[in-house]
Protein backbone atom coordinates (compact mmCIF):
# COMPACT_ATOMS: atom_id res chain seq x y z
CA MET A 1 0.00 0.00 0.00
CA ILE A 2 1.21 3.49 -0.82
CA PRO A 3 2.26 5.32 2.39
CA LEU A 4 -0.08 8.06 3.57
CA SER A 5 2.76 10.60 3.39
CA THR A 6 3.14 9.87 -0.33
CA ARG A 7 -0.60 9.99 -1.03
CA MET A 8 -0.98 13.30 0.79
CA ARG A 9 1.75 15.16 -1.06
CA PRO A 10 0.32 18.51 -2.23
CA GLU A 11 -0.68 18.63 -5.90
CA THR A 12 -0.27 22.37 -6.44
CA ILE A 13 2.20 24.97 -5.24
CA ASP A 14 -0.58 26.70 -3.27
CA GLU A 15 -1.14 23.54 -1.19
CA PHE A 16 2.48 23.50 -0.01
CA VAL A 17 2.72 23.83 3.78
CA GLY A 18 5.57 25.35 5.79
CA GLN A 19 8.84 27.18 5.02
CA ARG A 20 7.07 30.53 5.14
CA HIS A 21 10.42 32.32 5.47
CA PHE A 22 10.87 31.88 1.71
CA MET A 23 7.73 30.21 0.35
CA TYR A 24 4.53 32.24 0.46
CA LYS A 25 2.17 33.79 -2.06
CA GLY A 26 4.05 36.70 -3.61
CA SER A 27 7.52 35.63 -2.44
CA LEU A 28 10.37 35.72 -4.97
CA LEU A 29 10.48 31.92 -5.15
CA TYR A 30 6.70 31.64 -5.53
CA ASN A 31 6.71 34.24 -8.30
CA ALA A 32 9.67 32.59 -10.06
CA ILE A 33 7.75 29.32 -10.15
CA LYS A 34 4.48 30.91 -11.30
CA ASN A 35 6.28 33.06 -13.91
CA LYS A 36 8.24 30.01 -15.09
CA THR A 37 11.55 31.83 -14.52
CA PHE A 38 12.82 29.40 -11.87
CA ASP A 39 16.32 28.24 -12.74
CA SER A 40 18.29 26.02 -10.34
CA ALA A 41 18.50 25.72 -6.56
CA ILE A 42 19.77 23.69 -3.64
CA PHE A 43 17.39 22.74 -0.84
CA TYR A 44 18.85 21.73 2.50
CA GLY A 45 17.38 20.84 5.86
CA PRO A 46 16.07 17.95 7.99
CA PRO A 47 14.04 15.06 6.52
CA GLY A 48 10.28 15.42 6.16
CA THR A 49 10.29 19.19 5.71
CA GLY A 50 9.16 19.33 2.06
CA LYS A 51 12.33 19.34 -0.05
CA THR A 52 11.28 16.55 -2.44
CA THR A 53 7.67 17.72 -2.46
CA LEU A 54 8.62 21.26 -3.49
CA ALA A 55 10.99 19.99 -6.19
CA ARG A 56 8.19 17.90 -7.73
CA LEU A 57 5.75 20.80 -7.55
CA ILE A 58 8.24 23.07 -9.30
CA ALA A 59 8.70 20.55 -12.11
CA ARG A 60 4.92 20.29 -12.50
CA GLU A 61 4.46 24.07 -12.57
CA MET A 62 7.31 24.54 -15.04
CA ASP A 63 5.74 21.94 -17.34
CA ALA A 64 9.19 20.58 -18.15
CA ASP A 65 10.82 17.18 -18.52
CA PHE A 66 11.69 16.08 -14.99
CA HIS A 67 14.10 13.40 -13.76
CA GLU A 68 14.36 12.42 -10.11
CA LEU A 69 17.54 10.72 -8.92
CA ASN A 70 18.84 9.56 -5.57
CA ALA A 71 22.56 10.11 -5.14
CA SER A 72 22.93 7.00 -2.97
CA THR A 73 21.80 4.69 -5.81
CA THR A 74 22.54 6.64 -9.00
CA GLY A 75 25.95 7.23 -10.55
CA ILE A 76 27.54 9.17 -13.41
CA LYS A 77 26.38 6.71 -16.08
CA GLU A 78 22.67 7.41 -15.47
CA LEU A 79 23.32 11.15 -15.22
CA LYS A 80 25.18 11.21 -18.54
CA GLU A 81 22.28 9.47 -20.25
CA ILE A 82 19.93 12.16 -18.96
CA ILE A 83 22.33 14.93 -20.05
CA ASP A 84 22.63 13.46 -23.58
CA LYS A 85 18.83 13.38 -23.95
CA ALA A 86 18.57 16.87 -22.49
CA LYS A 87 21.05 18.19 -25.09
CA LEU A 88 18.89 16.89 -27.92
CA LYS A 89 15.90 18.72 -26.47
CA PHE A 90 17.78 21.92 -25.71
CA PHE A 91 19.73 22.27 -28.95
CA GLY A 92 17.00 20.73 -31.13
CA LEU A 93 13.74 22.13 -32.41
CA GLN A 94 12.11 21.96 -28.98
CA ASN A 95 14.70 24.26 -27.33
CA GLU A 96 13.58 23.03 -23.89
CA SER A 97 15.52 22.68 -20.66
CA THR A 98 15.33 19.55 -18.54
CA TYR A 99 14.97 19.55 -14.76
CA VAL A 100 17.02 17.11 -12.73
CA TYR A 101 16.32 16.65 -9.04
CA VAL A 102 19.05 14.85 -7.09
CA ASP A 103 18.07 13.77 -3.59
CA GLU A 104 20.86 13.35 -1.00
CA PHE A 105 23.15 15.28 -3.33
CA HIS A 106 25.90 15.41 -0.69
CA ARG A 107 26.48 11.67 -1.22
CA TRP A 108 28.03 12.29 -4.64
CA ASN A 109 31.79 12.74 -4.64
CA LYS A 110 33.58 15.67 -6.29
CA LEU A 111 33.86 13.92 -9.67
CA GLN A 112 30.17 13.06 -9.71
CA GLN A 113 29.14 16.56 -8.72
CA ASP A 114 31.45 18.11 -11.32
CA SER A 115 29.81 16.05 -14.08
CA LEU A 116 26.92 18.53 -13.88
CA LEU A 117 29.00 21.65 -14.47
CA ARG A 118 29.03 21.90 -18.25
CA ALA A 119 25.33 21.10 -18.58
CA LEU A 120 24.55 23.82 -16.04
CA GLU A 121 26.77 26.37 -17.78
CA GLU A 122 25.18 25.67 -21.17
CA GLY A 123 21.65 25.82 -19.75
CA VAL A 124 20.94 22.27 -20.87
CA LEU A 125 19.93 21.29 -17.35
CA ARG A 126 18.05 23.02 -14.59
CA PHE A 127 19.19 21.47 -11.33
CA ILE A 128 17.58 21.02 -7.93
CA GLY A 129 19.69 19.28 -5.32
CA SER A 130 18.48 18.40 -1.85
CA THR A 131 20.64 17.53 1.12
CA THR A 132 20.40 17.17 4.86
CA GLU A 133 23.96 18.51 5.11
CA ASN A 134 25.04 22.14 5.01
CA PRO A 135 25.74 22.70 1.28
CA TYR A 136 28.54 25.15 2.03
CA PHE A 137 30.49 22.17 3.38
CA ALA A 138 28.98 19.25 1.45
CA VAL A 139 28.73 20.69 -2.08
CA ASN A 140 31.61 21.67 -4.35
CA ASN A 141 32.29 25.39 -4.70
CA ALA A 142 32.06 25.06 -8.49
CA ILE A 143 28.45 23.88 -8.15
CA LEU A 144 27.61 26.56 -5.57
CA SER A 145 28.89 29.30 -7.88
CA ARG A 146 26.53 28.12 -10.64
CA VAL A 147 23.55 27.44 -8.37
CA SER A 148 23.26 30.66 -6.41
CA LEU A 149 19.82 29.99 -4.88
CA ILE A 150 20.18 28.04 -1.65
CA TYR A 151 17.10 27.54 0.52
CA GLU A 152 17.25 26.28 4.09
CA PHE A 153 14.26 24.14 5.04
CA LYS A 154 13.40 24.24 8.72
CA ARG A 155 11.51 21.71 10.80
CA LEU A 156 7.80 22.24 10.41
CA GLU A 157 5.87 24.02 13.12
CA LYS A 158 3.59 21.93 15.31
CA SER A 159 0.60 23.85 13.90
CA ASP A 160 1.65 23.02 10.33
CA ILE A 161 1.88 19.30 11.06
CA TYR A 162 -1.43 19.40 12.93
CA ASN A 163 -3.11 20.96 9.87
CA ILE A 164 -1.55 18.33 7.60
CA LEU A 165 -2.83 15.53 9.86
CA ILE A 166 -6.35 16.97 10.03
CA ALA A 167 -6.36 17.30 6.23
CA ALA A 168 -5.40 13.61 5.91
CA LEU A 169 -8.12 12.56 8.36
CA ASN A 170 -10.75 14.46 6.37
CA ASN A 171 -9.54 13.78 2.82
CA SER A 172 -11.59 10.94 1.32
CA GLU A 173 -9.69 10.73 -1.98
CA ARG A 174 -6.03 10.69 -1.01
CA GLY A 175 -6.26 10.54 2.77
CA ILE A 176 -8.15 8.34 5.21
CA GLY A 177 -11.43 10.25 5.30
CA LYS A 178 -13.38 7.24 3.99
CA LEU A 179 -12.61 5.37 7.19
CA LYS A 180 -14.61 7.95 9.16
CA LEU A 181 -12.35 7.67 12.19
CA ASP A 182 -13.02 9.37 15.50
CA TRP A 183 -10.17 11.17 17.20
CA ASP A 184 -9.37 13.30 20.22
CA GLU A 185 -8.03 16.74 19.38
CA ASP A 186 -5.27 16.50 21.99
CA ALA A 187 -4.16 13.14 20.56
CA ILE A 188 -3.58 14.67 17.10
CA LEU A 189 -1.77 17.58 18.75
CA MET A 190 0.40 15.06 20.61
CA LEU A 191 1.26 13.26 17.37
CA ALA A 192 2.12 16.60 15.73
CA ASP A 193 4.35 17.51 18.68
CA MET A 194 6.09 14.13 18.89
CA SER A 195 6.93 14.10 15.17
CA SER A 196 9.77 16.59 15.74
CA GLY A 197 8.87 18.77 12.76
CA ASP A 198 8.86 15.83 10.31
CA ALA A 199 5.61 15.63 8.33
CA ARG A 200 6.54 12.24 6.85
CA ILE A 201 6.82 10.65 10.31
CA ALA A 202 3.53 12.21 11.41
CA LEU A 203 1.57 11.06 8.35
CA ASP A 204 3.01 7.57 8.20
CA LYS A 205 2.32 7.01 11.91
CA LEU A 206 -1.24 8.18 11.32
CA GLY A 207 -1.47 5.81 8.36
CA PHE A 208 -0.20 2.93 10.51
CA ILE A 209 -2.77 3.74 13.20
CA SER A 210 -5.64 3.95 10.70
CA GLU A 211 -4.76 0.57 9.16
CA ASN A 212 -4.60 -1.24 12.49
CA LEU A 213 -7.15 0.49 14.69
CA LYS A 214 -9.86 -1.77 16.07
CA LYS A 215 -13.40 -1.15 14.85
CA ASN A 216 -15.28 1.53 16.77
CA SER A 217 -12.03 2.61 18.44
CA ARG A 218 -10.99 6.22 18.81
CA ILE A 219 -7.57 7.76 18.26
CA ASP A 220 -6.55 8.90 21.73
CA LYS A 221 -3.28 9.67 23.50
CA ASN A 222 -2.69 6.03 24.45
CA ILE A 223 -2.90 5.00 20.79
CA ILE A 224 -0.41 7.72 19.85
CA LYS A 225 2.02 6.60 22.57
CA GLU A 226 1.76 3.00 21.39
CA ALA A 227 2.31 3.97 17.74
CA MET A 228 5.30 6.19 18.51
CA GLN A 229 6.85 3.54 20.80
CA ARG A 230 8.13 6.31 23.03
CA GLN A 231 7.22 7.38 26.51
CA ALA A 232 5.24 10.56 26.35
CA THR A 233 5.26 11.61 29.98
CA PHE A 234 5.16 15.34 29.50
CA TYR A 235 2.91 15.30 26.45
CA ASP A 236 0.00 14.61 28.80
CA ARG A 237 0.46 18.08 30.26
CA SER A 238 1.75 20.52 27.66
CA GLU A 239 3.56 22.73 30.19
CA ASP A 240 5.74 19.91 31.58
CA LYS A 241 8.43 20.02 28.89
CA TYR A 242 8.89 23.74 29.43
CA ASN A 243 9.02 23.22 33.19
CA LEU A 244 11.71 20.56 32.75
CA LEU A 245 13.74 22.72 30.37
CA SER A 246 13.46 25.59 32.84
CA ALA A 247 14.53 23.35 35.73
CA LEU A 248 17.47 22.07 33.66
CA GLN A 249 18.69 25.61 32.92
CA LYS A 250 18.23 26.84 36.49
CA SER A 251 20.07 23.80 37.88
CA VAL A 252 22.97 24.44 35.51
CA ARG A 253 22.94 28.14 36.43
CA GLY A 254 23.03 27.10 40.09
CA SER A 255 26.06 24.83 39.44
CA ASP A 256 24.26 21.66 40.56
CA PRO A 257 25.33 18.91 38.11
CA ASP A 258 23.29 16.25 39.92
CA ALA A 259 20.01 18.16 39.55
CA ALA A 260 20.90 19.19 36.00
CA VAL A 261 21.52 15.63 34.80
CA HIS A 262 18.37 14.49 36.63
CA TYR A 263 16.21 16.92 34.62
CA LEU A 264 18.07 15.94 31.45
CA ALA A 265 17.15 12.30 32.13
CA ARG A 266 13.50 13.24 32.67
CA LEU A 267 13.44 15.14 29.37
CA ILE A 268 14.92 12.19 27.50
CA GLU A 269 12.63 9.65 29.13
CA GLY A 270 9.66 11.95 28.63
CA GLY A 271 10.15 11.90 24.87
CA ALA A 272 12.00 15.18 24.25
CA ASP A 273 13.99 15.15 21.02
CA ILE A 274 17.70 15.88 20.79
CA GLN A 275 17.23 19.18 19.00
CA MET A 276 14.92 20.57 21.69
CA ILE A 277 17.43 19.74 24.44
CA GLY A 278 20.44 20.74 22.35
CA ARG A 279 19.07 24.19 21.58
CA ARG A 280 18.59 24.91 25.27
CA LEU A 281 22.10 23.69 26.16
CA MET A 282 23.69 25.92 23.53
CA VAL A 283 21.74 28.92 24.84
CA ILE A 284 22.89 28.15 28.39
CA ALA A 285 26.52 28.00 27.20
CA SER A 286 26.39 31.68 26.19
CA GLU A 287 23.73 33.02 28.55
CA ASP A 288 24.85 31.51 31.85
CA VAL A 289 28.49 30.54 31.32
CA GLY A 290 29.64 32.98 28.66
CA MET A 291 33.03 34.58 29.18
CA ALA A 292 33.68 32.74 32.44
CA TYR A 293 34.53 29.73 30.28
CA PRO A 294 34.45 30.86 26.61
CA SER A 295 35.21 27.35 25.29
CA ALA A 296 31.91 26.05 26.69
CA ILE A 297 29.94 27.02 23.58
CA SER A 298 32.35 25.12 21.30
CA ILE A 299 32.32 22.00 23.46
CA VAL A 300 28.54 22.03 23.92
CA THR A 301 27.96 22.58 20.18
CA SER A 302 30.22 19.62 19.42
CA CYS A 303 28.33 17.46 21.95
CA VAL A 304 24.96 18.42 20.45
CA GLN A 305 26.19 17.76 16.90
CA ALA A 306 27.55 14.38 18.00
CA ALA A 307 24.21 13.58 19.64
CA MET A 308 22.36 14.47 16.42
CA MET A 309 24.66 12.19 14.40
CA ILE A 310 24.51 9.26 16.82
CA GLY A 311 20.86 9.41 17.82
CA LEU A 312 19.20 8.05 20.92
CA PRO A 313 19.78 6.08 23.09
CA GLU A 314 23.57 6.65 22.84
CA ALA A 315 23.07 10.40 22.34
CA ARG A 316 22.15 10.61 26.02
CA ILE A 317 25.89 10.36 26.78
CA ASN A 318 26.79 13.36 24.62
CA LEU A 319 23.95 15.41 26.10
CA ALA A 320 25.00 14.44 29.61
CA HIS A 321 28.58 15.44 28.79
CA ALA A 322 27.41 18.92 27.78
CA THR A 323 25.05 19.26 30.76
CA ILE A 324 27.60 18.24 33.39
CA LEU A 325 30.26 20.49 31.86
CA LEU A 326 27.93 23.51 31.93
CA ALA A 327 26.82 22.84 35.50
CA SER A 328 30.38 22.33 36.73
CA CYS A 329 32.15 25.34 35.20
CA PRO A 330 32.27 29.01 36.36
CA LYS A 331 29.27 31.21 35.48
CA SER A 332 28.82 34.70 34.07
CA ASN A 333 25.81 36.43 32.52
CA SER A 334 27.84 39.41 31.28
CA VAL A 335 27.33 38.43 27.62
CA ILE A 336 23.52 38.51 27.68
CA ASN A 337 23.56 41.65 29.81
CA ALA A 338 25.88 43.40 27.35
CA ILE A 339 23.84 42.66 24.23
CA ASP A 340 20.48 43.32 25.90
CA LYS A 341 21.62 46.66 27.33
CA SER A 342 23.03 47.66 23.94
CA ILE A 343 19.79 46.73 22.14
CA ALA A 344 17.77 48.65 24.77
CA ASP A 345 19.81 51.81 24.08
CA ILE A 346 19.31 51.45 20.33
CA LYS A 347 15.53 51.14 20.83
CA THR A 348 15.18 54.00 23.30
CA LYS A 349 17.88 56.55 22.43
CA ASN A 350 18.62 58.73 19.44
CA ILE A 351 22.08 57.33 18.66
CA ASP A 352 24.64 59.44 16.79
CA ASP A 353 26.25 58.24 13.56
CA VAL A 354 29.38 56.11 13.33
CA PRO A 355 32.39 58.41 13.98
CA ASP A 356 33.97 59.59 10.70
CA HIS A 357 37.39 58.10 11.48
CA LEU A 358 35.81 54.60 11.73
CA LYS A 359 33.88 54.75 8.45
CA ASP A 360 34.78 52.71 5.39
CA THR A 361 37.46 54.23 3.13
CA HIS A 362 37.64 51.48 0.47
CA TYR A 363 36.21 53.59 -2.35
CA ILE A 364 37.25 56.61 -4.38
CA GLY A 365 36.32 59.91 -2.78
CA ALA A 366 36.05 58.65 0.81
CA LYS A 367 39.08 60.57 2.07
CA GLN A 368 37.94 63.76 0.29
CA ARG A 369 34.80 63.51 2.45
CA GLY A 370 36.98 63.30 5.56
CA LEU A 371 36.18 59.65 6.19
CA GLY A 372 38.82 57.56 7.92
CA VAL A 373 40.95 60.60 8.67
CA GLY A 374 42.63 60.36 12.05
CA TYR A 375 42.05 56.63 12.51
CA LYS A 376 44.89 55.00 14.46
CA TYR A 377 45.75 51.43 13.50
CA PRO A 378 46.19 49.66 16.89
CA HIS A 379 48.74 47.14 15.57
CA ALA A 380 51.02 50.03 14.65
CA TYR A 381 51.05 51.00 18.33
CA GLY A 382 51.88 47.59 19.77
CA GLY A 383 48.31 46.27 19.76
CA TYR A 384 46.43 49.08 21.52
CA VAL A 385 45.99 52.82 21.20
CA LYS A 386 43.44 55.09 22.86
CA GLN A 387 40.79 56.46 20.51
CA GLN A 388 37.01 56.85 20.34
CA TYR A 389 34.95 53.93 18.99
CA LEU A 390 31.42 54.57 20.28
CA PRO A 391 29.10 57.11 18.60
CA ASP A 392 29.60 60.65 19.99
CA ASN A 393 26.69 60.84 22.43
CA LEU A 394 27.33 57.38 23.87
CA TYR A 395 31.03 58.19 24.19
CA ARG A 396 30.23 61.41 26.09
CA GLU A 397 27.89 59.46 28.38
CA GLY A 398 30.63 56.93 29.06
CA ALA A 399 28.32 54.10 28.01
CA ARG A 400 29.40 50.64 29.13
CA TYR A 401 27.73 47.41 28.08
CA TYR A 402 30.20 44.66 28.85
CA LEU A 403 30.81 44.50 32.60
CA PRO A 404 33.11 41.51 33.15
CA THR A 405 33.02 39.50 36.36
CA GLU A 406 35.92 37.91 38.24
CA ASN A 407 34.48 34.43 37.61
CA GLY A 408 36.62 31.82 35.89
CA LYS A 409 38.56 32.91 32.85
CA GLU A 410 36.58 36.16 32.65
CA GLY A 411 38.70 37.55 35.47
CA ALA A 412 41.69 37.56 33.10
CA PHE A 413 39.70 39.42 30.43
CA LYS A 414 38.56 41.95 33.04
CA ARG A 415 42.12 42.62 34.21
CA PHE A 416 43.30 42.98 30.62
CA ILE A 417 40.59 45.55 29.76
CA GLU A 418 41.27 47.48 32.97
CA SER A 419 44.99 47.56 32.22
CA LEU A 420 44.30 49.14 28.83
CA LYS A 421 42.36 51.99 30.45
CA GLN A 422 45.37 52.85 32.60
CA LYS A 423 47.63 53.40 29.57
C-alpha cells in the first residue's frame, strides 16, 4: 500500500505547507515558479520538511521534462544518459531545458558533482539538489557558484503538522477520510508535537494507526504513545516540557550537576527530542556561562552535533557530557547583559552616527569627504591605542555594556581591559 505521506503530497504549489520564510504567495520563489523563470537551486534541511515535495511541484508548474535521482543509488552513467537526452531537447527544435532533481546530493563525490557543471553552464539542465547537510560544506564550490539559490528548510511548526494531519483525516480521496475515524483533538496535537517537525513521520504514523485500529475505536493519547513507541510523559500536560527545560537551565545556572543531569534524564525519558534539548544547552553556554569559560559554547555545540549524528539512546551520553560540563564550570551572565543593554539603548535613544574616522574608506572619494581621517591602527602601536569607537553621544555618556566579572577565565579578560584603560 502506498504510504499516507506519499498519497498526501500537495498537488499544487498553493497547497504546499511550511517554510514561510521563503515560500509564500508573492515571495520571490513563488513568483519565479508561477512566472516560469525558476532556474536552479539547492534545498537543504532535515528530513520530512518538504524538499522533495517542493521539487516535484516546481517541475509540475514549469511543465518541463523532470528526472528524479537519488545520489545513494545513481551514478555518473545514469546522469550522462539524462544529459545526452537533455542536449537533444535543448539544442534541437524543442529548445527546452530539462529539470534534474538529485536527492541526498551530498552523497556524490567531487567527480560526480562536477559532471553537472558543463550542462549547467550551457543551460541544458536546470538542477535542484536536496541535502540534509550544510551545502557550504557538502557541495563543491564550483556547483555553488553556478547554483546561487540556496534555501534552508526548517523543521515544520507543530501547527503546520497538525493541519496536515487533520487534512489527511478528512480527505476521502487521497487521505483516510473514507474510514470515518473518530479522534481526540489533543491526541492529534500530541502526534504533531512528537513528530519533531517531520511531516513524513507524522503522516506515516497516522497511516499505521488507521490501518490497524480496532473497529469503533478512537484515536486517543494512548494510541499515539503505542504507535510512537516512546514514553510521552510530559505530552500529557503541555507545560511539563517547558518546566523541565526551565529546571534544567536553572540547575545548571546554580552549578548543581546532579540536579541538571536528573532533569536531562526526565526530558529524554519523557520523549523530548535531541534538538529541543540541544538548543537549550547551547543557549545556556552563552547566557549563563559565557566569558567565564568561553570554550563552553564550542564543546557544547560539538556534543549536540555528535548527539544528532549518533541518535538516541547513545546520544544521552553526549547530552549528559554537555550538561555536566555547563553545570560544573564558572558562570557569568555578562554576555547577555551586554547585548540586551546595547539593544535597549538602540531602541530607546537617538544614537549618533558612526564616527567619521571609523567609516569605510575602500572607495574613491572617501578621504575627500573626511572619512577615515585620524584613525589610528592599533597594531602600529603595539596592539592598543586610545581612541574613540562609540558614537559621539554614547562616548560622552561613558556608556558601558560589557561588565566583566571575576568568575573563571573572565577575570583575566577583566584585568586585561582594565589595564588598557590605565595606559
